[in-house]
Amino acid sequence: VLFLRDDDIPQSVAGGVADVGIVGENEFVERQENAEIIKRLGFSRCRL
């Protein structure tokens, strides 16, 4: 497990620093990195 800031996770996964990541959908959509959604986990729900 690699512990990072939430806004660094999409880039780390897209760049291969991490293989997978657990991140808020808000950060994933905002960062627009080349990573794929594997599974919706159903927790940490919120809204923008």
ModelCIF file with pLDDT and N, C-alpha, C, O atoms, coordinates in Angstrom:
data_MODEL
#
_entry.id   MODEL 
#
_entity.id                         1 
_entity.type                       polymer 
_entity.pdbx_number_of_molecules   1 
#
_entity_poly.entity_id                      1 
_entity_poly.type                           'polypeptide(L)' 
_entity_poly.nstd_linkage                   no 
_entity_poly.nstd_monomer                   no 
_entity_poly.pdbx_seq_one_letter_code       VLFLRDDDIPQSVAGGVADVGIVGENEFVERQENAEIIKRLGFSRCRL 
_entity_poly.pdbx_seq_one_letter_code_can   VLFLRDDDIPQSVAGGVADVGIVGENEFVERQENAEIIKRLGFSRCRL 
_entity_poly.pdbx_strand_id                 A 
#
loop_
_entity_poly_seq.entity_id 
_entity_poly_seq.num 
_entity_poly_seq.mon_id 
_entity_poly_seq.hetero 
1 1  VAL n 
1 2  LEU n 
1 3  PHE n 
1 4  LEU n 
1 5  ARG n 
1 6  ASP n 
1 7  ASP n 
1 8  ASP n 
1 9  ILE n 
1 10 PRO n 
1 11 GLN n 
1 12 SER n 
1 13 VAL n 
1 14 ALA n 
1 15 GLY n 
1 16 GLY n 
1 17 VAL n 
1 18 ALA n 
1 19 ASP n 
1 20 VAL n 
1 21 GLY n 
1 22 ILE n 
1 23 VAL n 
1 24 GLY n 
1 25 GLU n 
1 26 ASN n 
1 27 GLU n 
1 28 PHE n 
1 29 VAL n 
1 30 GLU n 
1 31 ARG n 
1 32 GLN n 
1 33 GLU n 
1 34 ASN n 
1 35 ALA n 
1 36 GLU n 
1 37 ILE n 
1 38 ILE n 
1 39 LYS n 
1 40 ARG n 
1 41 LEU n 
1 42 GLY n 
1 43 PHE n 
1 44 SER n 
1 45 ARG n 
1 46 CYS n 
1 47 ARG n 
1 48 LEU n 
#
_struct_asym.id          A 
_struct_asym.entity_id   1 
#
loop_
_ma_qa_metric.id 
_ma_qa_metric.mode 
_ma_qa_metric.name 
_ma_qa_metric.software_group_id 
_ma_qa_metric.type 
1 global pLDDT . pLDDT 
2 local  pLDDT . pLDDT 
#
_ma_qa_metric_global.metric_id      1 
_ma_qa_metric_global.metric_value   96.31 
_ma_qa_metric_global.model_id       1 
_ma_qa_metric_global.ordinal_id     1 
#
loop_
_ma_qa_metric_local.label_asym_id 
_ma_qa_metric_local.label_comp_id 
_ma_qa_metric_local.label_seq_id 
_ma_qa_metric_local.metric_id 
_ma_qa_metric_local.metric_value 
_ma_qa_metric_local.model_id 
_ma_qa_metric_local.ordinal_id 
A VAL 1  2 96.00 1 1  
A LEU 2  2 96.00 1 2  
A PHE 3  2 95.00 1 3  
A LEU 4  2 95.00 1 4  
A ARG 5  2 93.00 1 5  
A ASP 6  2 92.00 1 6  
A ASP 7  2 92.00 1 7  
A ASP 8  2 96.00 1 8  
A ILE 9  2 97.00 1 9  
A PRO 10 2 98.00 1 10 
A GLN 11 2 97.00 1 11 
A SER 12 2 97.00 1 12 
A VAL 13 2 98.00 1 13 
A ALA 14 2 97.00 1 14 
A GLY 15 2 96.00 1 15 
A GLY 16 2 96.00 1 16 
A VAL 17 2 97.00 1 17 
A ALA 18 2 98.00 1 18 
A ASP 19 2 98.00 1 19 
A VAL 20 2 98.00 1 20 
A GLY 21 2 98.00 1 21 
A ILE 22 2 98.00 1 22 
A VAL 23 2 98.00 1 23 
A GLY 24 2 97.00 1 24 
A GLU 25 2 97.00 1 25 
A ASN 26 2 97.00 1 26 
A GLU 27 2 96.00 1 27 
A PHE 28 2 97.00 1 28 
A VAL 29 2 97.00 1 29 
A GLU 30 2 97.00 1 30 
A ARG 31 2 95.00 1 31 
A GLN 32 2 95.00 1 32 
A GLU 33 2 96.00 1 33 
A ASN 34 2 95.00 1 34 
A ALA 35 2 97.00 1 35 
A GLU 36 2 97.00 1 36 
A ILE 37 2 98.00 1 37 
A ILE 38 2 98.00 1 38 
A LYS 39 2 97.00 1 39 
A ARG 40 2 97.00 1 40 
A LEU 41 2 96.00 1 41 
A GLY 42 2 94.00 1 42 
A PHE 43 2 95.00 1 43 
A SER 44 2 94.00 1 44 
A ARG 45 2 95.00 1 45 
A CYS 46 2 96.00 1 46 
A ARG 47 2 97.00 1 47 
A LEU 48 2 97.00 1 48 
#
loop_
_atom_site.group_PDB 
_atom_site.id 
_atom_site.type_symbol 
_atom_site.label_atom_id 
_atom_site.label_alt_id 
_atom_site.label_comp_id 
_atom_site.label_asym_id 
_atom_site.label_entity_id 
_atom_site.label_seq_id 
_atom_site.pdbx_PDB_ins_code 
_atom_site.Cartn_x 
_atom_site.Cartn_y 
_atom_site.Cartn_z 
_atom_site.occupancy 
_atom_site.B_iso_or_equiv 
_atom_site.pdbx_formal_charge 
_atom_site.auth_seq_id 
_atom_site.auth_comp_id 
_atom_site.auth_asym_id 
_atom_site.auth_atom_id 
_atom_site.pdbx_PDB_model_num 
ATOM 1   N N  . VAL A 1 1  ? 0.839   -1.192 0.000   1.00 96.00 ? 1  VAL A N  1 
ATOM 2   C CA . VAL A 1 1  ? 0.000   0.000  0.000   1.00 96.00 ? 1  VAL A CA 1 
ATOM 3   C C  . VAL A 1 1  ? 0.872   1.239  0.000   1.00 96.00 ? 1  VAL A C  1 
ATOM 4   O O  . VAL A 1 1  ? 1.755   1.396  0.843   1.00 96.00 ? 1  VAL A O  1 
ATOM 5   N N  . LEU A 1 2  ? 0.614   2.116  -0.954  1.00 96.00 ? 2  LEU A N  1 
ATOM 6   C CA . LEU A 1 2  ? 1.330   3.377  -1.092  1.00 96.00 ? 2  LEU A CA 1 
ATOM 7   C C  . LEU A 1 2  ? 0.398   4.504  -0.644  1.00 96.00 ? 2  LEU A C  1 
ATOM 8   O O  . LEU A 1 2  ? -0.659  4.707  -1.242  1.00 96.00 ? 2  LEU A O  1 
ATOM 9   N N  . PHE A 1 3  ? 0.784   5.239  0.407   1.00 95.00 ? 3  PHE A N  1 
ATOM 10  C CA . PHE A 1 3  ? -0.052  6.300  0.958   1.00 95.00 ? 3  PHE A CA 1 
ATOM 11  C C  . PHE A 1 3  ? 0.282   7.637  0.300   1.00 95.00 ? 3  PHE A C  1 
ATOM 12  O O  . PHE A 1 3  ? 1.424   8.094  0.346   1.00 95.00 ? 3  PHE A O  1 
ATOM 13  N N  . LEU A 1 4  ? -0.733  8.264  -0.315  1.00 95.00 ? 4  LEU A N  1 
ATOM 14  C CA . LEU A 1 4  ? -0.537  9.497  -1.064  1.00 95.00 ? 4  LEU A CA 1 
ATOM 15  C C  . LEU A 1 4  ? -1.640  10.505 -0.753  1.00 95.00 ? 4  LEU A C  1 
ATOM 16  O O  . LEU A 1 4  ? -2.648  10.165 -0.134  1.00 95.00 ? 4  LEU A O  1 
ATOM 17  N N  . ARG A 1 5  ? -1.439  11.741 -1.188  1.00 93.00 ? 5  ARG A N  1 
ATOM 18  C CA . ARG A 1 5  ? -2.523  12.714 -1.199  1.00 93.00 ? 5  ARG A CA 1 
ATOM 19  C C  . ARG A 1 5  ? -3.588  12.253 -2.189  1.00 93.00 ? 5  ARG A C  1 
ATOM 20  O O  . ARG A 1 5  ? -3.270  11.625 -3.199  1.00 93.00 ? 5  ARG A O  1 
ATOM 21  N N  . ASP A 1 6  ? -4.844  12.561 -1.903  1.00 92.00 ? 6  ASP A N  1 
ATOM 22  C CA . ASP A 1 6  ? -5.917  12.078 -2.777  1.00 92.00 ? 6  ASP A CA 1 
ATOM 23  C C  . ASP A 1 6  ? -5.770  12.559 -4.213  1.00 92.00 ? 6  ASP A C  1 
ATOM 24  O O  . ASP A 1 6  ? -6.061  11.813 -5.149  1.00 92.00 ? 6  ASP A O  1 
ATOM 25  N N  . ASP A 1 7  ? -5.317  13.813 -4.401  1.00 92.00 ? 7  ASP A N  1 
ATOM 26  C CA . ASP A 1 7  ? -5.217  14.327 -5.765  1.00 92.00 ? 7  ASP A CA 1 
ATOM 27  C C  . ASP A 1 7  ? -4.005  13.801 -6.525  1.00 92.00 ? 7  ASP A C  1 
ATOM 28  O O  . ASP A 1 7  ? -3.877  14.050 -7.724  1.00 92.00 ? 7  ASP A O  1 
ATOM 29  N N  . ASP A 1 8  ? -3.110  13.076 -5.849  1.00 96.00 ? 8  ASP A N  1 
ATOM 30  C CA . ASP A 1 8  ? -1.954  12.473 -6.517  1.00 96.00 ? 8  ASP A CA 1 
ATOM 31  C C  . ASP A 1 8  ? -2.229  11.046 -6.988  1.00 96.00 ? 8  ASP A C  1 
ATOM 32  O O  . ASP A 1 8  ? -1.465  10.500 -7.784  1.00 96.00 ? 8  ASP A O  1 
ATOM 33  N N  . ILE A 1 9  ? -3.308  10.440 -6.506  1.00 97.00 ? 9  ILE A N  1 
ATOM 34  C CA . ILE A 1 9  ? -3.558  9.026  -6.794  1.00 97.00 ? 9  ILE A CA 1 
ATOM 35  C C  . ILE A 1 9  ? -3.854  8.771  -8.273  1.00 97.00 ? 9  ILE A C  1 
ATOM 36  O O  . ILE A 1 9  ? -3.267  7.849  -8.839  1.00 97.00 ? 9  ILE A O  1 
ATOM 37  N N  . PRO A 1 10 ? -4.730  9.533  -8.928  1.00 98.00 ? 10 PRO A N  1 
ATOM 38  C CA . PRO A 1 10 ? -4.988  9.240  -10.357 1.00 98.00 ? 10 PRO A CA 1 
ATOM 39  C C  . PRO A 1 10 ? -3.733  9.286  -11.220 1.00 98.00 ? 10 PRO A C  1 
ATOM 40  O O  . PRO A 1 10 ? -3.534  8.418  -12.070 1.00 98.00 ? 10 PRO A O  1 
ATOM 41  N N  . GLN A 1 11 ? -2.880  10.296 -11.007 1.00 97.00 ? 11 GLN A N  1 
ATOM 42  C CA . GLN A 1 11 ? -1.646  10.409 -11.795 1.00 97.00 ? 11 GLN A CA 1 
ATOM 43  C C  . GLN A 1 11 ? -0.697  9.261  -11.491 1.00 97.00 ? 11 GLN A C  1 
ATOM 44  O O  . GLN A 1 11 ? -0.049  8.737  -12.396 1.00 97.00 ? 11 GLN A O  1 
ATOM 45  N N  . SER A 1 12 ? -0.609  8.867  -10.227 1.00 97.00 ? 12 SER A N  1 
ATOM 46  C CA . SER A 1 12 ? 0.291   7.776  -9.843  1.00 97.00 ? 12 SER A CA 1 
ATOM 47  C C  . SER A 1 12 ? -0.119  6.462  -10.491 1.00 97.00 ? 12 SER A C  1 
ATOM 48  O O  . SER A 1 12 ? 0.733   5.676  -10.905 1.00 97.00 ? 12 SER A O  1 
ATOM 49  N N  . VAL A 1 13 ? -1.431  6.223  -10.578 1.00 98.00 ? 13 VAL A N  1 
ATOM 50  C CA . VAL A 1 13 ? -1.918  4.998  -11.215 1.00 98.00 ? 13 VAL A CA 1 
ATOM 51  C C  . VAL A 1 13 ? -1.710  5.066  -12.727 1.00 98.00 ? 13 VAL A C  1 
ATOM 52  O O  . VAL A 1 13 ? -1.257  4.097  -13.335 1.00 98.00 ? 13 VAL A O  1 
ATOM 53  N N  . ALA A 1 14 ? -2.036  6.198  -13.330 1.00 97.00 ? 14 ALA A N  1 
ATOM 54  C CA . ALA A 1 14 ? -1.875  6.347  -14.781 1.00 97.00 ? 14 ALA A CA 1 
ATOM 55  C C  . ALA A 1 14 ? -0.418  6.234  -15.198 1.00 97.00 ? 14 ALA A C  1 
ATOM 56  O O  . ALA A 1 14 ? -0.114  5.702  -16.266 1.00 97.00 ? 14 ALA A O  1 
ATOM 57  N N  . GLY A 1 15 ? 0.491   6.738  -14.353 1.00 96.00 ? 15 GLY A N  1 
ATOM 58  C CA . GLY A 1 15 ? 1.912   6.708  -14.681 1.00 96.00 ? 15 GLY A CA 1 
ATOM 59  C C  . GLY A 1 15 ? 2.623   5.435  -14.293 1.00 96.00 ? 15 GLY A C  1 
ATOM 60  O O  . GLY A 1 15 ? 3.812   5.285  -14.576 1.00 96.00 ? 15 GLY A O  1 
ATOM 61  N N  . GLY A 1 16 ? 1.921   4.503  -13.645 1.00 96.00 ? 16 GLY A N  1 
ATOM 62  C CA . GLY A 1 16 ? 2.529   3.225  -13.290 1.00 96.00 ? 16 GLY A CA 1 
ATOM 63  C C  . GLY A 1 16 ? 3.281   3.222  -11.979 1.00 96.00 ? 16 GLY A C  1 
ATOM 64  O O  . GLY A 1 16 ? 3.882   2.207  -11.626 1.00 96.00 ? 16 GLY A O  1 
ATOM 65  N N  . VAL A 1 17 ? 3.270   4.324  -11.241 1.00 97.00 ? 17 VAL A N  1 
ATOM 66  C CA . VAL A 1 17 ? 3.888   4.336  -9.907  1.00 97.00 ? 17 VAL A CA 1 
ATOM 67  C C  . VAL A 1 17 ? 3.127   3.385  -8.991  1.00 97.00 ? 17 VAL A C  1 
ATOM 68  O O  . VAL A 1 17 ? 3.723   2.687  -8.171  1.00 97.00 ? 17 VAL A O  1 
ATOM 69  N N  . ALA A 1 18 ? 1.802   3.364  -9.140  1.00 98.00 ? 18 ALA A N  1 
ATOM 70  C CA . ALA A 1 18 ? 0.948   2.388  -8.478  1.00 98.00 ? 18 ALA A CA 1 
ATOM 71  C C  . ALA A 1 18 ? 0.176   1.624  -9.549  1.00 98.00 ? 18 ALA A C  1 
ATOM 72  O O  . ALA A 1 18 ? -0.103  2.151  -10.626 1.00 98.00 ? 18 ALA A O  1 
ATOM 73  N N  . ASP A 1 19 ? -0.166  0.372  -9.234  1.00 98.00 ? 19 ASP A N  1 
ATOM 74  C CA . ASP A 1 19 ? -0.914  -0.443 -10.196 1.00 98.00 ? 19 ASP A CA 1 
ATOM 75  C C  . ASP A 1 19 ? -2.401  -0.120 -10.158 1.00 98.00 ? 19 ASP A C  1 
ATOM 76  O O  . ASP A 1 19 ? -3.049  -0.019 -11.200 1.00 98.00 ? 19 ASP A O  1 
ATOM 77  N N  . VAL A 1 20 ? -2.933  0.039  -8.966  1.00 98.00 ? 20 VAL A N  1 
ATOM 78  C CA . VAL A 1 20 ? -4.341  0.394  -8.763  1.00 98.00 ? 20 VAL A CA 1 
ATOM 79  C C  . VAL A 1 20 ? -4.404  1.428  -7.648  1.00 98.00 ? 20 VAL A C  1 
ATOM 80  O O  . VAL A 1 20 ? -3.429  1.641  -6.927  1.00 98.00 ? 20 VAL A O  1 
ATOM 81  N N  . GLY A 1 21 ? -5.549  2.060  -7.516  1.00 98.00 ? 21 GLY A N  1 
ATOM 82  C CA . GLY A 1 21 ? -5.708  3.040  -6.460  1.00 98.00 ? 21 GLY A CA 1 
ATOM 83  C C  . GLY A 1 21 ? -7.157  3.134  -6.033  1.00 98.00 ? 21 GLY A C  1 
ATOM 84  O O  . GLY A 1 21 ? -8.065  2.855  -6.815  1.00 98.00 ? 21 GLY A O  1 
ATOM 85  N N  . ILE A 1 22 ? -7.367  3.531  -4.788  1.00 98.00 ? 22 ILE A N  1 
ATOM 86  C CA . ILE A 1 22 ? -8.713  3.788  -4.285  1.00 98.00 ? 22 ILE A CA 1 
ATOM 87  C C  . ILE A 1 22 ? -8.822  5.287  -4.067  1.00 98.00 ? 22 ILE A C  1 
ATOM 88  O O  . ILE A 1 22 ? -8.092  5.861  -3.259  1.00 98.00 ? 22 ILE A O  1 
ATOM 89  N N  . VAL A 1 23 ? -9.740  5.919  -4.794  1.00 98.00 ? 23 VAL A N  1 
ATOM 90  C CA . VAL A 1 23 ? -9.799  7.382  -4.830  1.00 98.00 ? 23 VAL A CA 1 
ATOM 91  C C  . VAL A 1 23 ? -11.243 7.825  -4.990  1.00 98.00 ? 23 VAL A C  1 
ATOM 92  O O  . VAL A 1 23 ? -12.078 7.087  -5.513  1.00 98.00 ? 23 VAL A O  1 
ATOM 93  N N  . GLY A 1 24 ? -11.526 9.034  -4.535  1.00 97.00 ? 24 GLY A N  1 
ATOM 94  C CA . GLY A 1 24 ? -12.847 9.591  -4.719  1.00 97.00 ? 24 GLY A CA 1 
ATOM 95  C C  . GLY A 1 24 ? -13.124 9.870  -6.190  1.00 97.00 ? 24 GLY A C  1 
ATOM 96  O O  . GLY A 1 24 ? -12.237 10.307 -6.924  1.00 97.00 ? 24 GLY A O  1 
ATOM 97  N N  . GLU A 1 25 ? -14.354 9.618  -6.618  1.00 97.00 ? 25 GLU A N  1 
ATOM 98  C CA . GLU A 1 25 ? -14.728 9.859  -8.007  1.00 97.00 ? 25 GLU A CA 1 
ATOM 99  C C  . GLU A 1 25 ? -14.511 11.312 -8.390  1.00 97.00 ? 25 GLU A C  1 
ATOM 100 O O  . GLU A 1 25 ? -14.177 11.610 -9.537  1.00 97.00 ? 25 GLU A O  1 
ATOM 101 N N  . ASN A 1 26 ? -14.699 12.220 -7.439  1.00 97.00 ? 26 ASN A N  1 
ATOM 102 C CA . ASN A 1 26 ? -14.499 13.644 -7.702  1.00 97.00 ? 26 ASN A CA 1 
ATOM 103 C C  . ASN A 1 26 ? -13.066 13.938 -8.150  1.00 97.00 ? 26 ASN A C  1 
ATOM 104 O O  . ASN A 1 26 ? -12.855 14.706 -9.089  1.00 97.00 ? 26 ASN A O  1 
ATOM 105 N N  . GLU A 1 27 ? -12.084 13.329 -7.484  1.00 96.00 ? 27 GLU A N  1 
ATOM 106 C CA . GLU A 1 27 ? -10.684 13.541 -7.857  1.00 96.00 ? 27 GLU A CA 1 
ATOM 107 C C  . GLU A 1 27 ? -10.363 12.870 -9.183  1.00 96.00 ? 27 GLU A C  1 
ATOM 108 O O  . GLU A 1 27 ? -9.613  13.412 -9.995  1.00 96.00 ? 27 GLU A O  1 
ATOM 109 N N  . PHE A 1 28 ? -10.928 11.697 -9.399  1.00 97.00 ? 28 PHE A N  1 
ATOM 110 C CA . PHE A 1 28 ? -10.660 10.975 -10.644 1.00 97.00 ? 28 PHE A CA 1 
ATOM 111 C C  . PHE A 1 28 ? -11.181 11.761 -11.855 1.00 97.00 ? 28 PHE A C  1 
ATOM 112 O O  . PHE A 1 28 ? -10.491 11.883 -12.867 1.00 97.00 ? 28 PHE A O  1 
ATOM 113 N N  . VAL A 1 29 ? -12.394 12.286 -11.740 1.00 97.00 ? 29 VAL A N  1 
ATOM 114 C CA . VAL A 1 29 ? -12.975 13.054 -12.845 1.00 97.00 ? 29 VAL A CA 1 
ATOM 115 C C  . VAL A 1 29 ? -12.225 14.362 -13.043 1.00 97.00 ? 29 VAL A C  1 
ATOM 116 O O  . VAL A 1 29 ? -12.004 14.779 -14.180 1.00 97.00 ? 29 VAL A O  1 
ATOM 117 N N  . GLU A 1 30 ? -11.836 15.009 -11.970 1.00 97.00 ? 30 GLU A N  1 
ATOM 118 C CA . GLU A 1 30 ? -11.144 16.299 -12.065 1.00 97.00 ? 30 GLU A CA 1 
ATOM 119 C C  . GLU A 1 30 ? -9.785  16.146 -12.740 1.00 97.00 ? 30 GLU A C  1 
ATOM 120 O O  . GLU A 1 30 ? -9.405  16.985 -13.556 1.00 97.00 ? 30 GLU A O  1 
ATOM 121 N N  . ARG A 1 31 ? -9.050  15.090 -12.409 1.00 95.00 ? 31 ARG A N  1 
ATOM 122 C CA . ARG A 1 31 ? -7.667  14.950 -12.900 1.00 95.00 ? 31 ARG A CA 1 
ATOM 123 C C  . ARG A 1 31 ? -7.586  14.472 -14.347 1.00 95.00 ? 31 ARG A C  1 
ATOM 124 O O  . ARG A 1 31 ? -6.603  14.759 -15.030 1.00 95.00 ? 31 ARG A O  1 
ATOM 125 N N  . GLN A 1 32 ? -8.594  13.754 -14.828 1.00 95.00 ? 32 GLN A N  1 
ATOM 126 C CA . GLN A 1 32 ? -8.630  13.321 -16.233 1.00 95.00 ? 32 GLN A CA 1 
ATOM 127 C C  . GLN A 1 32 ? -7.366  12.568 -16.646 1.00 95.00 ? 32 GLN A C  1 
ATOM 128 O O  . GLN A 1 32 ? -6.807  12.821 -17.713 1.00 95.00 ? 32 GLN A O  1 
ATOM 129 N N  . GLU A 1 33 ? -6.920  11.644 -15.800 1.00 96.00 ? 33 GLU A N  1 
ATOM 130 C CA . GLU A 1 33 ? -5.735  10.846 -16.101 1.00 96.00 ? 33 GLU A CA 1 
ATOM 131 C C  . GLU A 1 33 ? -6.116  9.564  -16.845 1.00 96.00 ? 33 GLU A C  1 
ATOM 132 O O  . GLU A 1 33 ? -7.272  9.142  -16.824 1.00 96.00 ? 33 GLU A O  1 
ATOM 133 N N  . ASN A 1 34 ? -5.129  8.955  -17.500 1.00 95.00 ? 34 ASN A N  1 
ATOM 134 C CA . ASN A 1 34 ? -5.358  7.756  -18.289 1.00 95.00 ? 34 ASN A CA 1 
ATOM 135 C C  . ASN A 1 34 ? -5.344  6.516  -17.388 1.00 95.00 ? 34 ASN A C  1 
ATOM 136 O O  . ASN A 1 34 ? -4.402  5.724  -17.407 1.00 95.00 ? 34 ASN A O  1 
ATOM 137 N N  . ALA A 1 35 ? -6.405  6.372  -16.605 1.00 97.00 ? 35 ALA A N  1 
ATOM 138 C CA . ALA A 1 35 ? -6.605  5.190  -15.766 1.00 97.00 ? 35 ALA A CA 1 
ATOM 139 C C  . ALA A 1 35 ? -8.045  4.752  -15.974 1.00 97.00 ? 35 ALA A C  1 
ATOM 140 O O  . ALA A 1 35 ? -8.879  5.538  -16.424 1.00 97.00 ? 35 ALA A O  1 
ATOM 141 N N  . GLU A 1 36 ? -8.337  3.497  -15.647 1.00 97.00 ? 36 GLU A N  1 
ATOM 142 C CA . GLU A 1 36 ? -9.681  2.979  -15.872 1.00 97.00 ? 36 GLU A CA 1 
ATOM 143 C C  . GLU A 1 36 ? -10.375 2.657  -14.559 1.00 97.00 ? 36 GLU A C  1 
ATOM 144 O O  . GLU A 1 36 ? -9.736  2.276  -13.578 1.00 97.00 ? 36 GLU A O  1 
ATOM 145 N N  . ILE A 1 37 ? -11.691 2.817  -14.557 1.00 98.00 ? 37 ILE A N  1 
ATOM 146 C CA . ILE A 1 37 ? -12.478 2.449  -13.376 1.00 98.00 ? 37 ILE A CA 1 
ATOM 147 C C  . ILE A 1 37 ? -12.658 0.939  -13.368 1.00 98.00 ? 37 ILE A C  1 
ATOM 148 O O  . ILE A 1 37 ? -13.233 0.367  -14.293 1.00 98.00 ? 37 ILE A O  1 
ATOM 149 N N  . ILE A 1 38 ? -12.162 0.300  -12.316 1.00 98.00 ? 38 ILE A N  1 
ATOM 150 C CA . ILE A 1 38 ? -12.286 -1.152 -12.184 1.00 98.00 ? 38 ILE A CA 1 
ATOM 151 C C  . ILE A 1 38 ? -13.553 -1.512 -11.422 1.00 98.00 ? 38 ILE A C  1 
ATOM 152 O O  . ILE A 1 38 ? -14.260 -2.454 -11.779 1.00 98.00 ? 38 ILE A O  1 
ATOM 153 N N  . LYS A 1 39 ? -13.832 -0.751 -10.367 1.00 97.00 ? 39 LYS A N  1 
ATOM 154 C CA . LYS A 1 39 ? -15.003 -1.081 -9.539  1.00 97.00 ? 39 LYS A CA 1 
ATOM 155 C C  . LYS A 1 39 ? -15.447 0.137  -8.739  1.00 97.00 ? 39 LYS A C  1 
ATOM 156 O O  . LYS A 1 39 ? -14.621 0.888  -8.220  1.00 97.00 ? 39 LYS A O  1 
ATOM 157 N N  . ARG A 1 40 ? -16.749 0.321  -8.648  1.00 97.00 ? 40 ARG A N  1 
ATOM 158 C CA . ARG A 1 40 ? -17.328 1.307  -7.737  1.00 97.00 ? 40 ARG A CA 1 
ATOM 159 C C  . ARG A 1 40 ? -17.469 0.638  -6.375  1.00 97.00 ? 40 ARG A C  1 
ATOM 160 O O  . ARG A 1 40 ? -18.045 -0.445 -6.269  1.00 97.00 ? 40 ARG A O  1 
ATOM 161 N N  . LEU A 1 41 ? -16.945 1.278  -5.339  1.00 96.00 ? 41 LEU A N  1 
ATOM 162 C CA . LEU A 1 41 ? -16.847 0.618  -4.043  1.00 96.00 ? 41 LEU A CA 1 
ATOM 163 C C  . LEU A 1 41 ? -18.009 0.942  -3.103  1.00 96.00 ? 41 LEU A C  1 
ATOM 164 O O  . LEU A 1 41 ? -18.210 0.239  -2.113  1.00 96.00 ? 41 LEU A O  1 
ATOM 165 N N  . GLY A 1 42 ? -18.772 1.986  -3.396  1.00 94.00 ? 42 GLY A N  1 
ATOM 166 C CA . GLY A 1 42 ? -19.997 2.216  -2.648  1.00 94.00 ? 42 GLY A CA 1 
ATOM 167 C C  . GLY A 1 42 ? -19.854 2.898  -1.309  1.00 94.00 ? 42 GLY A C  1 
ATOM 168 O O  . GLY A 1 42 ? -20.845 3.028  -0.591  1.00 94.00 ? 42 GLY A O  1 
ATOM 169 N N  . PHE A 1 43 ? -18.646 3.345  -0.935  1.00 95.00 ? 43 PHE A N  1 
ATOM 170 C CA . PHE A 1 43 ? -18.503 4.090  0.318   1.00 95.00 ? 43 PHE A CA 1 
ATOM 171 C C  . PHE A 1 43 ? -17.912 5.468  0.053   1.00 95.00 ? 43 PHE A C  1 
ATOM 172 O O  . PHE A 1 43 ? -17.588 5.808  -1.086  1.00 95.00 ? 43 PHE A O  1 
ATOM 173 N N  . SER A 1 44 ? -17.774 6.256  1.111   1.00 94.00 ? 44 SER A N  1 
ATOM 174 C CA . SER A 1 44 ? -17.310 7.650  1.006   1.00 94.00 ? 44 SER A CA 1 
ATOM 175 C C  . SER A 1 44 ? -18.145 8.438  -0.002  1.00 94.00 ? 44 SER A C  1 
ATOM 176 O O  . SER A 1 44 ? -17.611 9.183  -0.824  1.00 94.00 ? 44 SER A O  1 
ATOM 177 N N  . ARG A 1 45 ? -19.437 8.262  0.076   1.00 95.00 ? 45 ARG A N  1 
ATOM 178 C CA . ARG A 1 45 ? -20.341 8.972  -0.834  1.00 95.00 ? 45 ARG A CA 1 
ATOM 179 C C  . ARG A 1 45 ? -20.433 10.448 -0.461  1.00 95.00 ? 45 ARG A C  1 
ATOM 180 O O  . ARG A 1 45 ? -20.483 10.800 0.717   1.00 95.00 ? 45 ARG A O  1 
ATOM 181 N N  . CYS A 1 46 ? -20.453 11.292 -1.462  1.00 96.00 ? 46 CYS A N  1 
ATOM 182 C CA . CYS A 1 46 ? -20.632 12.725 -1.283  1.00 96.00 ? 46 CYS A CA 1 
ATOM 183 C C  . CYS A 1 46 ? -21.121 13.290 -2.613  1.00 96.00 ? 46 CYS A C  1 
ATOM 184 O O  . CYS A 1 46 ? -21.431 12.537 -3.536  1.00 96.00 ? 46 CYS A O  1 
ATOM 185 N N  . ARG A 1 47 ? -21.189 14.601 -2.708  1.00 97.00 ? 47 ARG A N  1 
ATOM 186 C CA . ARG A 1 47 ? -21.609 15.245 -3.953  1.00 97.00 ? 47 ARG A CA 1 
ATOM 187 C C  . ARG A 1 47 ? -20.826 16.534 -4.130  1.00 97.00 ? 47 ARG A C  1 
ATOM 188 O O  . ARG A 1 47 ? -20.367 17.131 -3.156  1.00 97.00 ? 47 ARG A O  1 
ATOM 189 N N  . LEU A 1 48 ? -20.679 16.954 -5.356  1.00 97.00 ? 48 LEU A N  1 
ATOM 190 C CA . LEU A 1 48 ? -20.072 18.243 -5.668  1.00 97.00 ? 48 LEU A CA 1 
ATOM 191 C C  . LEU A 1 48 ? -21.199 19.213 -6.002  1.00 97.00 ? 48 LEU A C  1 
ATOM 192 O O  . LEU A 1 48 ? -20.942 20.379 -6.303  1.00 97.00 ? 48 LEU A O  1 
#
